[in-house]
Amino acid sequence: MAFLEWLQPIYVGGHWVPEMIEFAGGRDVFGTARTPSFRVTMDEVTAAAPDVVLLAPCGYTAEQAGEEFRGMKLPDGWHDIPAVRNGQVYALEANSYFSRPGPRLMTGLEILAKVLHPRVKVSREAEASIRPLQIKAHAAQA
């Protein structure tokens, strides 16, 4: 899984986000628990071939994250990574569920669990917060 907490330039989730991913049963291909976010290139994301890509820029709603992503130029091979091929790219609201320490991180954990394990039962709030993105048409335009 790749958790992108900023898109232009790309930063991957740091601090507690990799730990949340692990608690939900996933593996972060970039981040390490209790270390700061850091910058990567889109080519590095493509080369990592994540099975899930989460877009959660700090300060953005899920809709804003999706809009910004759709405006990005994607590298060759983007549509070949497992997450894109299998429809596992999601836009999420970072401020409420991932970027700020507090009790709503538990809802963020539910969101991660639902993305990774679709049959798991989660709260209505978590379920409603997951925004799958249609990427294939976008990737072909890049």
Protein backbone atom coordinates (compact mmCIF):
# COMPACT_ATOMS: atom_id res chain seq x y z
CA MET A 1 0.00 0.00 0.00
CA ALA A 2 1.17 3.53 -0.78
CA PHE A 3 -0.28 6.35 1.33
CA LEU A 4 0.30 9.69 -0.42
CA GLU A 5 -0.20 12.58 1.98
CA TRP A 6 0.74 15.25 -0.54
CA LEU A 7 0.56 15.08 -4.32
CA GLN A 8 2.61 17.87 -5.89
CA PRO A 9 5.35 17.09 -4.91
CA ILE A 10 4.52 13.64 -3.57
CA TYR A 11 5.07 12.95 0.12
CA VAL A 12 4.27 9.61 1.69
CA GLY A 13 2.55 9.21 5.05
CA GLY A 14 4.74 9.32 8.08
CA HIS A 15 4.55 9.46 11.88
CA TRP A 16 1.57 7.31 12.93
CA VAL A 17 0.13 6.56 9.46
CA PRO A 18 2.41 3.58 8.66
CA GLU A 19 1.53 2.14 12.06
CA MET A 20 -2.18 2.58 11.33
CA ILE A 21 -1.70 0.73 8.04
CA GLU A 22 0.03 -2.11 9.87
CA PHE A 23 -2.71 -2.27 12.54
CA ALA A 24 -5.29 -2.55 9.73
CA GLY A 25 -3.41 -5.52 8.27
CA GLY A 26 -1.53 -3.75 5.47
CA ARG A 27 2.06 -3.05 4.58
CA ASP A 28 3.20 0.46 3.72
CA VAL A 29 5.66 0.24 0.81
CA PHE A 30 7.36 3.51 1.84
CA GLY A 31 6.59 4.76 5.33
CA THR A 32 8.02 3.62 8.64
CA ALA A 33 6.23 4.09 11.95
CA ARG A 34 7.26 7.13 14.00
CA THR A 35 9.33 8.69 11.22
CA PRO A 36 8.41 11.90 9.36
CA SER A 37 6.84 12.01 5.94
CA PHE A 38 9.27 12.22 3.06
CA ARG A 39 9.26 13.01 -0.61
CA VAL A 40 9.17 10.40 -3.39
CA THR A 41 8.69 10.64 -7.13
CA MET A 42 5.76 9.30 -9.07
CA ASP A 43 8.23 6.96 -10.81
CA GLU A 44 9.16 5.55 -7.37
CA VAL A 45 5.47 4.99 -6.60
CA THR A 46 5.09 3.19 -9.93
CA ALA A 47 8.23 1.10 -9.33
CA ALA A 48 6.97 0.08 -5.86
CA ALA A 49 3.89 -1.45 -7.57
CA PRO A 50 1.54 -1.02 -4.58
CA ASP A 51 -1.62 -3.09 -4.48
CA VAL A 52 -3.52 -0.12 -2.98
CA VAL A 53 -2.92 3.62 -3.39
CA LEU A 54 -4.47 6.06 -0.92
CA LEU A 55 -4.54 9.78 -1.74
CA ALA A 56 -4.96 11.86 1.41
CA PRO A 57 -3.34 15.29 1.11
CA CYS A 58 -3.38 17.21 4.37
CA GLY A 59 -6.12 19.84 4.40
CA TYR A 60 -8.04 18.34 1.49
CA THR A 61 -11.42 16.71 1.35
CA ALA A 62 -11.60 13.42 -0.52
CA GLU A 63 -13.17 15.27 -3.44
CA GLN A 64 -10.34 17.83 -3.56
CA ALA A 65 -7.75 15.04 -3.40
CA GLY A 66 -9.39 13.31 -6.35
CA GLU A 67 -9.55 16.54 -8.36
CA GLU A 68 -5.88 17.33 -7.77
CA PHE A 69 -4.88 13.79 -8.69
CA ARG A 70 -6.87 13.93 -11.94
CA GLY A 71 -4.87 17.03 -12.91
CA MET A 72 -1.49 15.31 -12.50
CA LYS A 73 0.66 13.98 -15.32
CA LEU A 74 1.15 10.28 -14.68
CA PRO A 75 4.29 8.37 -15.72
CA ASP A 76 4.41 5.56 -18.23
CA GLY A 77 3.47 2.36 -16.51
CA TRP A 78 1.13 3.99 -14.00
CA HIS A 79 -1.90 2.10 -15.29
CA ASP A 80 0.07 -1.16 -15.00
CA ILE A 81 0.55 -1.08 -11.24
CA PRO A 82 -1.66 -3.53 -9.34
CA ALA A 83 -3.64 -0.82 -7.49
CA VAL A 84 -4.71 0.84 -10.73
CA ARG A 85 -5.33 -2.39 -12.66
CA ASN A 86 -7.55 -3.66 -9.83
CA GLY A 87 -9.45 -0.45 -9.04
CA GLN A 88 -7.75 0.00 -5.66
CA VAL A 89 -6.99 3.74 -5.77
CA TYR A 90 -8.91 5.81 -3.22
CA ALA A 91 -9.20 9.46 -2.28
CA LEU A 92 -9.61 10.04 1.48
CA GLU A 93 -10.15 13.02 3.74
CA ALA A 94 -6.88 13.43 5.58
CA ASN A 95 -7.71 16.12 8.15
CA SER A 96 -10.51 14.23 9.79
CA TYR A 97 -9.03 10.74 9.81
CA PHE A 98 -5.26 10.70 9.27
CA SER A 99 -3.38 14.01 9.61
CA ARG A 100 -4.30 15.13 13.10
CA PRO A 101 -3.68 13.13 16.26
CA GLY A 102 -6.89 12.47 18.14
CA PRO A 103 -9.83 10.12 18.55
CA ARG A 104 -10.90 10.29 14.88
CA LEU A 105 -7.76 8.34 13.98
CA MET A 106 -9.83 5.33 15.05
CA THR A 107 -12.24 6.05 12.18
CA GLY A 108 -9.18 6.33 9.93
CA LEU A 109 -8.14 2.89 11.11
CA GLU A 110 -11.61 1.59 10.23
CA ILE A 111 -11.27 3.14 6.75
CA LEU A 112 -7.94 1.40 6.22
CA ALA A 113 -9.38 -1.90 7.45
CA LYS A 114 -12.34 -1.63 5.06
CA VAL A 115 -10.11 -0.80 2.08
CA LEU A 116 -7.85 -3.75 2.86
CA HIS A 117 -10.59 -6.17 3.92
CA PRO A 118 -13.82 -5.23 2.10
CA ARG A 119 -15.96 -7.72 4.04
CA VAL A 120 -15.12 -6.25 7.44
CA LYS A 121 -17.96 -4.36 9.12
CA VAL A 122 -17.15 -0.72 9.97
CA SER A 123 -19.07 2.35 11.10
CA ARG A 124 -21.29 4.21 8.64
CA GLU A 125 -18.94 7.19 8.89
CA ALA A 126 -15.95 5.10 7.83
CA GLU A 127 -17.87 3.36 5.05
CA ALA A 128 -19.11 6.70 3.66
CA SER A 129 -15.60 8.18 3.69
CA ILE A 130 -14.08 5.79 1.14
CA ARG A 131 -13.94 7.30 -2.36
CA PRO A 132 -12.72 4.89 -5.07
CA LEU A 133 -11.26 6.69 -8.09
CA GLN A 134 -11.73 5.63 -11.69
CA ILE A 135 -8.17 5.82 -12.96
CA LYS A 136 -7.94 3.93 -16.24
CA ALA A 137 -9.42 6.68 -18.46
CA HIS A 138 -7.33 9.29 -16.64
CA ALA A 139 -4.13 7.27 -17.03
CA ALA A 140 -4.70 6.93 -20.76
CA GLN A 141 -4.94 10.73 -21.11
CA ALA A 142 -1.66 11.41 -19.29
